[in-house]
N, C-alpha and C. Protein backbone atom coordinates (compact mmCIF):
# COMPACT_ATOMS: atom_id res chain seq x y z
N UNK A 1 68.88 295.53 272.93
CA UNK A 1 69.47 295.22 271.62
C UNK A 1 70.02 293.81 271.39
N UNK A 2 69.58 293.27 270.15
CA UNK A 2 70.23 292.00 270.03
C UNK A 2 71.54 291.99 269.47
N UNK A 3 72.33 291.11 269.83
CA UNK A 3 73.79 291.15 269.24
C UNK A 3 73.66 290.63 267.81
N UNK A 4 74.79 290.65 267.23
CA UNK A 4 74.95 290.05 265.93
C UNK A 4 74.81 288.56 265.91
N UNK A 5 75.20 287.91 266.85
CA UNK A 5 75.10 286.48 267.13
C UNK A 5 73.66 286.13 267.04
N UNK A 6 73.10 286.77 268.08
CA UNK A 6 71.36 286.63 268.27
C UNK A 6 70.60 286.74 266.93
N UNK A 7 70.97 287.79 266.22
CA UNK A 7 70.30 288.18 265.10
C UNK A 7 70.50 287.18 264.15
N UNK A 8 71.72 286.50 264.06
CA UNK A 8 72.15 285.56 262.93
C UNK A 8 71.32 284.27 263.33
N UNK A 9 71.33 283.96 264.72
CA UNK A 9 70.58 282.82 265.21
C UNK A 9 68.99 282.90 264.88
N UNK A 10 68.40 284.17 265.05
CA UNK A 10 67.03 284.25 264.93
C UNK A 10 66.60 284.16 263.39
N UNK A 11 67.57 284.68 262.53
CA UNK A 11 67.44 284.27 261.14
C UNK A 11 67.39 283.06 260.81
N UNK A 12 68.39 282.26 261.29
CA UNK A 12 68.37 280.67 260.98
C UNK A 12 67.20 280.03 261.43
N UNK A 13 66.75 280.33 262.62
CA UNK A 13 65.62 279.54 263.08
C UNK A 13 64.36 280.19 262.32
N UNK A 14 64.08 281.35 261.96
CA UNK A 14 63.07 281.80 261.12
C UNK A 14 62.93 281.03 259.77
N UNK A 15 64.16 280.73 259.44
CA UNK A 15 64.51 280.03 258.11
C UNK A 15 64.27 278.54 258.25
N UNK A 16 63.98 278.13 259.39
CA UNK A 16 63.70 276.52 259.54
C UNK A 16 64.75 275.79 260.21
N UNK A 17 66.01 276.37 260.57
CA UNK A 17 67.01 275.72 261.31
C UNK A 17 66.53 275.25 262.66
N UNK A 18 66.19 274.15 262.93
CA UNK A 18 65.75 273.73 264.25
C UNK A 18 67.07 273.47 265.13
N UNK A 19 68.27 273.04 264.63
CA UNK A 19 69.28 273.09 265.37
C UNK A 19 69.67 274.44 266.04
N UNK A 20 69.48 275.48 265.36
CA UNK A 20 69.68 276.86 266.02
C UNK A 20 68.70 277.07 267.01
N UNK A 21 67.52 276.67 267.14
CA UNK A 21 66.52 276.85 268.03
C UNK A 21 67.01 276.03 269.32
N UNK A 22 67.71 274.82 269.18
CA UNK A 22 68.11 274.07 270.36
C UNK A 22 69.03 274.88 270.93
N UNK A 23 69.95 275.61 270.15
CA UNK A 23 70.94 276.50 270.98
C UNK A 23 70.22 277.65 271.86
N UNK A 24 69.09 278.13 271.30
CA UNK A 24 68.49 279.14 272.10
C UNK A 24 67.65 278.54 273.50
N UNK A 25 67.30 277.31 273.24
CA UNK A 25 66.73 276.50 274.36
C UNK A 25 67.85 276.27 275.33
N UNK A 26 68.94 275.58 274.84
CA UNK A 26 69.91 275.30 275.79
C UNK A 26 70.47 276.57 276.52
N UNK A 27 70.53 277.78 275.80
CA UNK A 27 71.16 279.00 276.48
C UNK A 27 70.25 279.46 277.45
N UNK A 28 69.04 279.28 277.42
CA UNK A 28 67.96 279.98 278.33
C UNK A 28 67.17 279.04 279.23
N UNK A 29 67.31 277.70 278.96
CA UNK A 29 66.13 276.95 279.71
C UNK A 29 66.51 276.96 281.33
N UNK A 30 67.66 276.96 281.71
CA UNK A 30 67.93 277.03 283.25
C UNK A 30 67.07 278.50 283.90
N UNK A 31 67.25 279.46 283.35
CA UNK A 31 66.80 280.65 283.64
C UNK A 31 65.18 280.69 283.58
N UNK A 32 64.84 280.18 282.50
CA UNK A 32 63.30 280.03 282.13
C UNK A 32 62.72 279.28 283.32
N UNK A 33 63.32 278.05 283.46
CA UNK A 33 62.87 277.26 284.58
C UNK A 33 62.83 277.86 285.79
N UNK A 34 63.97 278.42 286.22
CA UNK A 34 64.01 279.07 287.47
C UNK A 34 63.20 280.08 287.92
N UNK A 35 62.68 281.03 286.71
CA UNK A 35 61.85 282.11 286.92
C UNK A 35 60.33 281.41 287.10
N UNK A 36 60.10 280.30 286.22
CA UNK A 36 58.87 279.63 286.39
C UNK A 36 58.52 279.02 287.92
N UNK A 37 59.57 278.43 288.26
CA UNK A 37 59.48 277.61 289.48
C UNK A 37 59.40 278.74 290.64
N UNK A 38 60.05 279.81 290.57
CA UNK A 38 59.93 280.72 291.66
C UNK A 38 58.42 281.36 291.65
N UNK A 39 57.80 281.51 290.54
CA UNK A 39 56.50 282.15 290.38
C UNK A 39 55.46 281.01 290.73
N UNK A 40 55.56 279.77 290.17
CA UNK A 40 54.60 278.66 290.41
C UNK A 40 54.62 277.87 291.62
N UNK A 41 56.07 277.85 292.15
CA UNK A 41 56.27 277.11 293.43
C UNK A 41 55.90 275.50 293.25
N UNK A 42 56.10 275.00 291.87
CA UNK A 42 55.69 273.56 291.63
C UNK A 42 56.53 273.33 290.51
N UNK A 43 57.24 272.14 290.77
CA UNK A 43 58.15 271.73 289.64
C UNK A 43 57.63 271.25 288.30
N UNK A 44 56.48 270.54 288.46
CA UNK A 44 55.86 270.10 287.20
C UNK A 44 55.31 271.19 286.41
N UNK A 45 54.69 272.16 287.23
CA UNK A 45 53.93 273.23 286.54
C UNK A 45 55.02 274.14 285.89
N UNK A 46 56.32 274.35 286.54
CA UNK A 46 57.36 274.96 286.01
C UNK A 46 57.99 274.47 284.59
N UNK A 47 58.03 273.08 284.82
CA UNK A 47 58.52 272.50 283.61
C UNK A 47 57.62 272.60 282.18
N UNK A 48 56.13 272.29 282.71
CA UNK A 48 55.32 272.66 281.72
C UNK A 48 55.40 274.05 281.11
N UNK A 49 55.45 275.11 282.03
CA UNK A 49 55.37 276.47 281.56
C UNK A 49 56.74 276.68 280.67
N UNK A 50 57.73 276.05 281.10
CA UNK A 50 59.08 276.22 280.37
C UNK A 50 58.80 275.86 278.97
N UNK A 51 58.15 274.42 278.79
CA UNK A 51 57.91 274.05 277.58
C UNK A 51 57.13 275.06 276.83
N UNK A 52 55.87 275.55 277.48
CA UNK A 52 55.06 276.34 276.81
C UNK A 52 55.61 277.65 276.30
N UNK A 53 56.58 278.09 277.05
CA UNK A 53 57.37 279.19 276.86
C UNK A 53 58.26 279.29 275.73
N UNK A 54 58.92 278.12 275.30
CA UNK A 54 59.82 278.05 274.17
C UNK A 54 58.69 277.66 272.77
N UNK A 55 57.75 277.01 273.07
CA UNK A 55 56.84 276.86 272.05
C UNK A 55 56.44 278.22 271.64
N UNK A 56 56.05 279.20 272.42
CA UNK A 56 55.63 280.56 272.29
C UNK A 56 56.74 281.33 271.47
N UNK A 57 58.05 281.34 272.17
CA UNK A 57 59.09 281.79 271.44
C UNK A 57 59.32 281.43 270.11
N UNK A 58 59.26 280.19 269.78
CA UNK A 58 59.32 279.53 268.26
C UNK A 58 58.38 280.22 267.40
N UNK A 59 57.11 280.16 267.93
CA UNK A 59 55.96 280.56 266.89
C UNK A 59 56.02 282.16 266.90
N UNK A 60 56.63 282.95 267.79
CA UNK A 60 56.49 284.38 267.61
C UNK A 60 57.78 284.98 267.38
N UNK A 61 58.74 284.20 266.97
CA UNK A 61 60.00 284.64 266.64
C UNK A 61 60.01 285.61 265.65
N UNK A 62 59.27 285.62 264.62
CA UNK A 62 59.14 286.45 263.48
C UNK A 62 58.77 287.96 264.15
N UNK A 63 58.03 288.03 265.00
CA UNK A 63 57.44 289.18 265.77
C UNK A 63 58.45 289.85 266.63
N UNK A 64 59.63 289.30 266.86
CA UNK A 64 60.71 289.80 267.84
C UNK A 64 61.39 290.95 266.91
N UNK A 65 61.37 292.34 267.47
CA UNK A 65 61.72 293.39 266.74
C UNK A 65 63.24 293.72 267.12
N UNK A 66 63.76 293.16 268.15
CA UNK A 66 65.07 293.53 268.67
C UNK A 66 65.19 294.90 269.29
N UNK A 67 64.30 295.35 269.88
CA UNK A 67 64.28 296.62 270.41
C UNK A 67 64.64 296.32 272.14
N UNK A 68 64.72 295.11 272.26
CA UNK A 68 65.10 294.76 273.77
C UNK A 68 66.12 293.68 273.56
N UNK A 69 66.87 293.22 274.64
CA UNK A 69 67.58 292.04 274.60
C UNK A 69 66.75 290.69 274.20
N UNK A 70 67.51 289.94 273.56
CA UNK A 70 66.56 288.59 273.22
C UNK A 70 66.31 287.92 274.42
N UNK A 71 67.10 287.87 275.33
CA UNK A 71 66.86 287.02 276.60
C UNK A 71 65.67 288.02 277.29
N UNK A 72 65.66 289.11 277.35
CA UNK A 72 64.67 289.93 278.13
C UNK A 72 63.35 289.63 277.39
N UNK A 73 63.36 289.50 276.18
CA UNK A 73 62.01 289.01 275.46
C UNK A 73 61.69 287.80 275.91
N UNK A 74 62.52 286.92 275.95
CA UNK A 74 62.05 285.24 276.60
C UNK A 74 61.68 285.33 277.76
N UNK A 75 62.33 286.02 278.80
CA UNK A 75 61.84 286.01 280.19
C UNK A 75 60.58 286.72 280.23
N UNK A 76 60.22 287.74 279.42
CA UNK A 76 58.85 288.39 279.54
C UNK A 76 57.67 287.45 279.25
N UNK A 77 58.06 286.66 278.11
CA UNK A 77 57.18 285.62 277.62
C UNK A 77 56.97 284.46 278.75
N UNK A 78 58.09 284.23 279.47
CA UNK A 78 58.00 283.27 280.35
C UNK A 78 57.15 283.75 281.57
N UNK A 79 57.32 285.06 281.95
CA UNK A 79 56.73 285.80 283.14
C UNK A 79 55.03 285.74 282.72
N UNK A 80 54.83 286.13 281.53
CA UNK A 80 53.34 286.27 281.13
C UNK A 80 52.75 284.85 281.09
N UNK A 81 53.34 283.67 280.66
CA UNK A 81 53.06 282.48 280.63
C UNK A 81 52.92 281.84 281.97
N UNK A 82 53.51 282.14 283.02
CA UNK A 82 53.43 281.83 284.28
C UNK A 82 52.23 282.66 284.97
N UNK A 83 51.90 283.84 284.58
CA UNK A 83 50.69 284.60 284.92
C UNK A 83 49.53 283.88 284.44
N UNK A 84 49.45 283.34 283.29
CA UNK A 84 48.46 282.99 282.69
C UNK A 84 48.01 281.75 283.26
N UNK A 85 49.03 280.98 283.69
CA UNK A 85 48.95 279.54 284.28
C UNK A 85 48.27 279.89 285.76
N UNK A 86 48.90 280.91 286.34
CA UNK A 86 48.37 281.08 287.93
C UNK A 86 47.00 281.55 287.79
N UNK A 87 46.76 282.39 286.99
CA UNK A 87 45.11 282.47 286.53
C UNK A 87 44.30 281.35 286.38
N UNK A 88 44.77 280.36 285.48
CA UNK A 88 43.97 279.21 285.17
C UNK A 88 43.79 278.39 286.51
N UNK A 89 44.96 278.11 287.15
CA UNK A 89 45.03 277.31 288.22
C UNK A 89 44.19 277.99 289.41
N UNK A 90 44.01 279.28 289.42
CA UNK A 90 43.39 279.85 290.53
C UNK A 90 41.84 279.73 290.19
N UNK A 91 41.53 279.77 288.89
CA UNK A 91 40.12 279.63 288.58
C UNK A 91 39.72 278.01 288.78
N UNK A 92 40.61 277.25 288.32
CA UNK A 92 40.19 275.73 288.45
C UNK A 92 40.30 275.46 290.04
N UNK A 93 41.03 276.17 290.90
CA UNK A 93 40.85 275.99 292.33
C UNK A 93 39.69 276.40 292.92
N UNK A 94 39.29 277.59 292.35
CA UNK A 94 37.81 278.21 292.86
C UNK A 94 36.75 277.48 292.33
N UNK A 95 36.58 276.82 291.19
CA UNK A 95 35.80 276.11 290.56
C UNK A 95 35.58 274.61 291.35
N UNK A 96 36.80 274.19 291.76
CA UNK A 96 36.76 272.94 292.44
C UNK A 96 36.25 273.03 293.81
N UNK A 97 36.53 274.26 294.35
CA UNK A 97 36.25 274.60 295.59
C UNK A 97 34.63 274.55 295.62
N UNK A 98 34.17 275.26 294.77
CA UNK A 98 32.65 275.52 294.68
C UNK A 98 31.91 274.24 294.38
N UNK A 99 32.51 273.19 293.57
CA UNK A 99 31.93 272.09 293.23
C UNK A 99 31.86 271.22 294.66
N UNK A 100 33.06 271.30 295.33
CA UNK A 100 33.29 270.40 296.60
C UNK A 100 32.28 270.79 297.64
N UNK A 101 31.76 272.13 297.51
CA UNK A 101 30.84 272.47 298.73
C UNK A 101 29.53 271.61 298.49
N UNK A 102 29.31 270.84 299.54
CA UNK A 102 27.98 269.92 299.35
C UNK A 102 26.73 270.72 299.93
N UNK A 103 25.75 270.06 299.39
CA UNK A 103 24.43 270.86 299.89
C UNK A 103 24.28 270.98 301.29
N UNK A 104 24.60 270.00 302.08
CA UNK A 104 24.31 270.09 303.64
C UNK A 104 25.20 270.97 304.02
N UNK A 105 26.43 271.35 303.49
CA UNK A 105 27.36 272.43 304.11
C UNK A 105 26.53 273.69 303.73
N UNK A 106 26.11 273.83 302.57
CA UNK A 106 25.27 275.16 302.26
C UNK A 106 24.09 275.24 303.08
N UNK A 107 23.40 274.22 303.25
CA UNK A 107 22.02 274.37 304.26
C UNK A 107 22.67 274.81 305.60
N UNK A 108 23.74 274.24 306.09
CA UNK A 108 24.31 274.42 307.51
C UNK A 108 24.70 275.93 307.49
N UNK A 109 25.38 276.31 306.54
CA UNK A 109 25.77 277.87 306.61
C UNK A 109 24.50 278.72 306.40
N UNK A 110 23.44 278.28 305.71
CA UNK A 110 22.38 279.12 305.60
C UNK A 110 21.73 279.25 307.06
N UNK A 111 21.73 278.13 307.66
CA UNK A 111 20.93 278.09 308.88
C UNK A 111 21.70 278.82 309.97
N UNK A 112 23.15 278.77 309.90
CA UNK A 112 23.78 279.59 310.99
C UNK A 112 23.83 280.99 310.63
N UNK A 113 23.69 281.21 309.35
CA UNK A 113 23.42 282.83 309.08
C UNK A 113 22.09 283.31 309.51
N UNK A 114 20.92 282.52 309.23
CA UNK A 114 19.66 282.81 309.82
C UNK A 114 19.73 282.92 311.18
N UNK A 115 20.35 281.89 312.08
CA UNK A 115 20.54 282.07 313.54
C UNK A 115 21.12 283.38 313.70
N UNK A 116 22.13 283.79 313.28
CA UNK A 116 22.99 285.08 313.54
C UNK A 116 22.01 286.25 313.41
N UNK A 117 21.30 286.31 312.22
CA UNK A 117 20.43 287.42 311.96
C UNK A 117 19.18 287.29 313.06
N UNK A 118 18.72 286.26 313.32
CA UNK A 118 17.65 286.22 314.51
C UNK A 118 18.22 286.69 315.71
N UNK A 119 19.35 286.19 316.18
CA UNK A 119 20.00 286.68 317.43
C UNK A 119 20.22 288.07 317.35
N UNK A 120 20.83 288.66 316.31
CA UNK A 120 21.02 290.04 316.29
C UNK A 120 19.83 290.92 316.15
N UNK A 121 18.63 290.29 315.50
CA UNK A 121 17.59 291.08 315.76
C UNK A 121 16.69 291.12 317.20
N UNK A 122 17.03 289.80 317.91
CA UNK A 122 16.67 289.61 319.02
C UNK A 122 17.34 290.75 320.07
N UNK A 123 18.73 290.85 320.04
CA UNK A 123 19.37 291.86 320.82
C UNK A 123 19.00 293.19 320.58
N UNK A 124 18.62 293.56 319.14
CA UNK A 124 18.30 294.99 318.90
C UNK A 124 16.86 295.21 319.68
N UNK A 125 16.05 294.05 319.54
CA UNK A 125 14.56 294.48 320.20
C UNK A 125 14.74 294.56 321.76
N UNK A 126 15.54 293.63 322.29
CA UNK A 126 15.83 293.71 323.66
C UNK A 126 16.29 295.17 324.00
N UNK A 127 17.29 295.64 323.32
CA UNK A 127 17.83 296.81 323.75
C UNK A 127 16.87 298.11 323.53
N UNK A 128 15.98 297.94 322.61
CA UNK A 128 14.93 299.02 322.63
C UNK A 128 13.75 298.67 323.58
N UNK A 129 13.61 297.59 324.08
CA UNK A 129 12.56 297.26 325.10
C UNK A 129 12.87 298.13 326.40
N UNK A 130 14.14 298.41 326.56
CA UNK A 130 14.68 299.27 327.93
C UNK A 130 14.19 300.48 327.72
N UNK A 131 13.93 301.10 326.66
CA UNK A 131 13.48 302.54 326.63
C UNK A 131 11.76 302.53 326.76
N UNK A 132 11.26 301.41 326.83
CA UNK A 132 9.89 301.66 327.12
C UNK A 132 9.48 301.54 328.51
N UNK A 133 8.17 302.01 328.86
CA UNK A 133 7.71 301.80 330.26
C UNK A 133 7.53 300.32 330.57
N UNK A 134 7.70 299.89 331.79
CA UNK A 134 7.87 298.61 332.16
C UNK A 134 6.77 297.67 331.92
N UNK A 135 5.55 298.35 331.90
CA UNK A 135 4.24 297.58 331.60
C UNK A 135 4.23 297.29 330.16
N UNK A 136 4.56 298.14 329.41
CA UNK A 136 4.54 298.02 327.93
C UNK A 136 5.65 296.85 327.51
N UNK A 137 6.98 297.12 328.06
CA UNK A 137 8.06 296.07 327.79
C UNK A 137 7.54 294.80 328.14
N UNK A 138 6.96 294.59 329.28
CA UNK A 138 6.60 293.35 329.87
C UNK A 138 5.50 292.69 329.02
N UNK A 139 4.76 293.40 328.53
CA UNK A 139 3.56 292.84 327.70
C UNK A 139 4.03 292.51 326.42
N UNK A 140 4.88 293.24 325.85
CA UNK A 140 5.60 292.87 324.45
C UNK A 140 6.49 291.54 324.74
N UNK A 141 7.27 291.55 325.76
CA UNK A 141 8.00 290.39 326.05
C UNK A 141 7.12 289.14 326.12
N UNK A 142 6.11 289.07 327.06
CA UNK A 142 5.27 287.78 327.03
C UNK A 142 4.64 287.52 325.84
N UNK A 143 4.11 288.55 325.10
CA UNK A 143 3.38 288.22 323.86
C UNK A 143 4.32 287.72 322.74
N UNK A 144 5.45 288.32 322.49
CA UNK A 144 6.42 288.07 321.31
C UNK A 144 7.46 287.05 321.94
N UNK A 145 7.98 287.13 323.10
CA UNK A 145 9.30 286.22 323.34
C UNK A 145 8.81 284.96 323.96
N UNK A 146 7.79 285.13 324.85
CA UNK A 146 7.18 283.93 325.66
C UNK A 146 6.03 283.23 324.93
N UNK A 147 5.73 283.93 323.77
CA UNK A 147 4.71 283.21 322.95
C UNK A 147 3.19 283.11 323.70
N UNK A 148 2.94 283.95 324.52
CA UNK A 148 1.69 283.72 325.24
C UNK A 148 0.53 284.52 324.44
N UNK A 149 -0.55 283.61 324.28
CA UNK A 149 -1.73 284.01 323.70
C UNK A 149 -2.48 285.03 324.47
N UNK A 150 -3.65 285.65 323.95
CA UNK A 150 -4.46 286.61 324.67
C UNK A 150 -5.21 286.04 325.77
N UNK A 151 -5.39 284.57 325.68
CA UNK A 151 -6.04 283.86 326.84
C UNK A 151 -5.14 283.93 328.01
N UNK A 152 -4.00 283.41 327.79
CA UNK A 152 -2.84 283.27 328.69
C UNK A 152 -2.53 284.74 329.24
N UNK A 153 -2.50 285.72 328.37
CA UNK A 153 -2.17 287.02 328.91
C UNK A 153 -3.45 287.49 330.02
N UNK A 154 -4.56 287.07 329.62
CA UNK A 154 -5.91 287.69 330.40
C UNK A 154 -5.49 287.08 331.83
N UNK A 155 -5.07 285.91 331.93
CA UNK A 155 -4.64 285.28 333.37
C UNK A 155 -3.63 285.83 334.05
N UNK A 156 -2.60 286.11 333.14
CA UNK A 156 -1.29 286.57 333.77
C UNK A 156 -1.50 288.21 334.27
N UNK A 157 -2.06 288.92 333.48
CA UNK A 157 -2.21 290.32 333.68
C UNK A 157 -3.49 290.63 334.39
N UNK A 158 -4.29 289.94 334.41
CA UNK A 158 -5.76 290.11 334.96
C UNK A 158 -6.53 291.27 334.31
N UNK A 159 -6.50 291.11 332.90
CA UNK A 159 -7.16 292.22 332.32
C UNK A 159 -8.09 291.47 330.97
N UNK A 160 -9.06 292.11 330.56
CA UNK A 160 -9.67 291.60 329.42
C UNK A 160 -8.87 291.51 328.05
N UNK A 161 -9.34 290.51 327.35
CA UNK A 161 -8.50 290.37 325.89
C UNK A 161 -8.64 291.52 325.13
N UNK A 162 -9.82 292.57 325.06
CA UNK A 162 -9.82 293.69 324.45
C UNK A 162 -8.96 294.63 325.08
N UNK A 163 -8.88 294.81 326.24
CA UNK A 163 -8.00 295.74 326.94
C UNK A 163 -6.39 295.55 326.54
N UNK A 164 -6.15 294.18 326.60
CA UNK A 164 -4.82 293.61 326.17
C UNK A 164 -4.51 293.93 324.82
N UNK A 165 -5.39 293.88 323.80
CA UNK A 165 -5.24 294.31 322.40
C UNK A 165 -5.02 295.57 322.22
N UNK A 166 -5.61 296.51 322.98
CA UNK A 166 -5.41 298.07 322.98
C UNK A 166 -4.03 298.24 323.47
N UNK A 167 -3.70 297.67 324.58
CA UNK A 167 -2.29 298.02 325.04
C UNK A 167 -1.24 297.41 324.32
N UNK A 168 -1.42 296.18 323.62
CA UNK A 168 -0.41 295.82 322.68
C UNK A 168 -0.18 296.89 321.40
N UNK A 169 -1.33 297.32 320.98
CA UNK A 169 -1.36 298.33 319.92
C UNK A 169 -0.41 299.46 320.24
N UNK A 170 -0.74 300.04 321.48
CA UNK A 170 0.09 301.20 321.88
C UNK A 170 1.38 300.98 322.09
N UNK A 171 1.68 299.64 322.82
CA UNK A 171 2.87 299.38 323.03
C UNK A 171 3.86 299.12 321.70
N UNK A 172 3.12 298.59 320.90
CA UNK A 172 3.86 298.49 319.41
C UNK A 172 4.13 299.93 318.82
N UNK A 173 2.98 300.64 319.03
CA UNK A 173 3.44 302.23 318.37
C UNK A 173 4.65 302.88 319.10
N UNK A 174 4.69 302.75 320.47
CA UNK A 174 5.68 303.26 321.25
C UNK A 174 7.13 302.63 320.84
N UNK A 175 7.01 301.12 320.67
CA UNK A 175 8.21 300.53 320.20
C UNK A 175 8.89 300.93 318.96
N UNK A 176 7.81 301.11 318.11
CA UNK A 176 8.24 301.71 316.63
C UNK A 176 8.97 302.98 316.72
N UNK A 177 8.39 303.84 317.64
CA UNK A 177 8.98 305.10 317.69
C UNK A 177 10.43 304.96 318.34
N UNK A 178 10.64 304.08 319.38
CA UNK A 178 11.96 303.74 319.77
C UNK A 178 12.88 303.35 318.94
N UNK A 179 12.52 302.35 318.14
CA UNK A 179 13.24 301.80 317.06
C UNK A 179 13.72 302.82 316.14
N UNK A 180 13.01 303.76 315.57
CA UNK A 180 13.22 304.97 314.84
C UNK A 180 14.29 305.83 315.44
N UNK A 181 13.91 306.05 316.68
CA UNK A 181 14.98 307.17 317.36
C UNK A 181 16.24 306.65 317.85
N UNK A 182 16.30 305.30 318.15
CA UNK A 182 17.45 304.74 318.65
C UNK A 182 18.42 303.84 317.67
N UNK A 183 17.49 302.96 316.99
CA UNK A 183 18.24 302.20 316.01
C UNK A 183 18.60 302.72 314.60
N UNK A 184 17.91 303.71 314.03
CA UNK A 184 18.13 304.20 312.83
C UNK A 184 19.49 305.14 312.93
N UNK A 185 19.65 305.98 314.01
CA UNK A 185 20.90 306.59 314.05
C UNK A 185 22.08 305.69 314.17
N UNK A 186 21.93 304.62 314.77
CA UNK A 186 22.93 303.66 315.14
C UNK A 186 23.34 303.07 313.65
N UNK A 187 22.33 302.82 312.88
CA UNK A 187 22.48 302.14 311.52
C UNK A 187 23.44 303.16 310.74
N UNK A 188 22.84 304.43 310.80
CA UNK A 188 23.42 305.44 310.04
C UNK A 188 24.98 305.66 310.31
N UNK A 189 25.02 305.50 311.66
CA UNK A 189 26.62 305.66 312.26
C UNK A 189 27.48 304.59 311.68
N UNK A 190 26.75 303.34 311.82
CA UNK A 190 27.71 302.02 311.46
C UNK A 190 27.76 301.91 309.95
N UNK A 191 26.77 302.14 309.21
CA UNK A 191 26.58 301.63 307.84
C UNK A 191 26.51 303.05 306.88
N UNK A 192 26.17 303.87 307.40
CA UNK A 192 25.83 305.19 306.49
C UNK A 192 27.15 305.82 306.11
């Protein structure tokens, strides 16, 4: 509740007495500034918020109902003004960070993520190859990891290209079964 002195002071200010408002500022400026400084952790920002607070107090003085202490009402305005300033500065900071990220940094990050995905995929494939018969695992490794073409595989394995195609096809089918049986449960366990 406001005291009689505060009510009289508020009435004078509403009626245009700027000297009366100076008394309000003098009475509360230190506490307003202290609260702003604690919240914003920057002296210049705290000074600006203090000024903004007193401008808001002056403009909305007619709305003050007196159901709380006058000082409490001023500190609530200070607190909310600080929060507004923090939101704006956070938004500015994030926008500035985004602008400062250069294209090559984005490309580098993209390449790094692609590399991580490829490495992870390669690890999954290698772990699944362990479940295949050795001949199938060897054939898939030579074809996919060592990039051997059919002519090279004919010389390495000593089989015809048609036979190698059939074996690759069968090995891929077995590999798909292994993926479904071993990787899908792991994905469900980790992400499901």
